[in-house]
C-alpha atoms as a PDB file:
ATOM      1  CA  MET A   1     113.181 114.745 131.824  1.00  0.00           C
ATOM      2  CA  ASN A   2     112.267 111.815 129.583  1.00  0.00           C
ATOM      3  CA  ARG A   3     109.240 109.617 130.063  1.00  0.00           C
ATOM      4  CA  PHE A   4     108.959 106.060 128.836  1.00  0.00           C
ATOM      5  CA  GLU A   5     106.028 103.644 128.762  1.00  0.00           C
ATOM      6  CA  TYR A   6     106.467  99.924 129.415  1.00  0.00           C
ATOM      7  CA  VAL A   7     104.381  96.782 129.788  1.00  0.00           C
ATOM      8  CA  ILE A   8     105.404  93.934 132.073  1.00  0.00           C
ATOM      9  CA  VAL A   9     105.976  90.896 129.884  1.00  0.00           C
ATOM     10  CA  SER A  10     106.981  88.444 132.631  1.00  0.00           C
ATOM     11  CA  ILE A  11     107.894  88.268 136.293  1.00  0.00           C
ATOM     12  CA  ASP A  12     110.691  85.932 137.354  1.00  0.00           C
ATOM     13  CA  GLY A  13     111.342  85.927 141.098  1.00  0.00           C
ATOM     14  CA  ASP A  14     112.792  89.275 142.152  1.00  0.00           C
ATOM     15  CA  TYR A  15     112.931  90.637 138.591  1.00  0.00           C
ATOM     16  CA  ALA A  16     110.481  91.710 135.888  1.00  0.00           C
ATOM     17  CA  ASN A  17     110.974  91.893 132.124  1.00  0.00           C
ATOM     18  CA  LEU A  18     109.628  95.131 130.658  1.00  0.00           C
ATOM     19  CA  LYS A  19     108.930  95.923 127.006  1.00  0.00           C
ATOM     20  CA  ARG A  20     108.875  99.512 125.834  1.00  0.00           C
ATOM     21  CA  THR A  21     105.550 100.470 124.239  1.00  0.00           C
ATOM     22  CA  ASP A  22     105.911 104.160 123.372  1.00  0.00           C
ATOM     23  CA  ILE A  23     108.328 103.372 120.500  1.00  0.00           C
ATOM     24  CA  GLU A  24     109.124 100.295 118.400  1.00  0.00           C
ATOM     25  CA  PHE A  25     111.779  98.502 120.482  1.00  0.00           C
ATOM     26  CA  ASP A  26     112.292  94.722 120.533  1.00  0.00           C
ATOM     27  CA  GLU A  27     114.642  94.304 123.513  1.00  0.00           C
ATOM     28  CA  LEU A  28     113.354  93.617 127.014  1.00  0.00           C
ATOM     29  CA  LYS A  29     114.563  95.527 130.058  1.00  0.00           C
ATOM     30  CA  LEU A  30     115.261  93.544 133.234  1.00  0.00           C
ATOM     31  CA  VAL A  31     114.255  95.526 136.346  1.00  0.00           C
ATOM     32  CA  ALA A  32     114.390  94.556 140.025  1.00  0.00           C
ATOM     33  CA  ARG A  33     110.882  94.265 141.483  1.00  0.00           C
ATOM     34  CA  ALA A  34     111.978  96.389 144.443  1.00  0.00           C
ATOM     35  CA  LEU A  35     112.026  99.376 142.038  1.00  0.00           C
ATOM     36  CA  LEU A  36     108.489  98.703 140.772  1.00  0.00           C
ATOM     37  CA  PRO A  37     105.094  99.279 142.419  1.00  0.00           C
ATOM     38  CA  PRO A  38     104.220  96.266 144.643  1.00  0.00           C
ATOM     39  CA  GLU A  39     100.843  95.559 142.973  1.00  0.00           C
ATOM     40  CA  ILE A  40     102.274  94.773 139.501  1.00  0.00           C
ATOM     41  CA  THR A  41     101.288  91.688 137.500  1.00  0.00           C
ATOM     42  CA  GLU A  42     102.079  90.516 133.995  1.00  0.00           C
ATOM     43  CA  GLY A  43     100.446  92.895 131.531  1.00  0.00           C
ATOM     44  CA  THR A  44     100.579  95.920 133.841  1.00  0.00           C
ATOM     45  CA  ARG A  45     101.381  99.147 131.982  1.00  0.00           C
ATOM     46  CA  LEU A  46     104.022 101.348 133.617  1.00  0.00           C
ATOM     47  CA  LEU A  47     105.281 104.880 133.217  1.00  0.00           C
ATOM     48  CA  TYR A  48     108.944 105.633 133.941  1.00  0.00           C
ATOM     49  CA  GLU A  49     109.471 109.285 134.769  1.00  0.00           C
ATOM     50  CA  TRP A  50     111.819 111.129 137.132  1.00  0.00           C
ATOM     51  CA  MET A  51     113.722 107.913 137.910  1.00  0.00           C
ATOM     52  CA  SER A  52     110.645 106.064 139.237  1.00  0.00           C
ATOM     53  CA  TYR A  53     107.966 103.715 137.915  1.00  0.00           C
ATOM     54  CA  SER A  54     104.220 104.217 138.333  1.00  0.00           C
ATOM     55  CA  ILE A  55     101.211 102.298 137.044  1.00  0.00           C
ATOM     56  CA  LEU A  56      99.308 103.811 134.122  1.00  0.00           C
END
């Protein structure tokens, strides 16, 4: 299974914009906050693995 690392760039209501950090990638990924750990803030580093997000 793949693993991807992200950083939260911004939080807008029920959604967060994530930027991939493990490779050079300019596009942001919009993710519903319900899928993310509840204690996230802007700048939080996340790991996506096995179809779930966890804080690094």
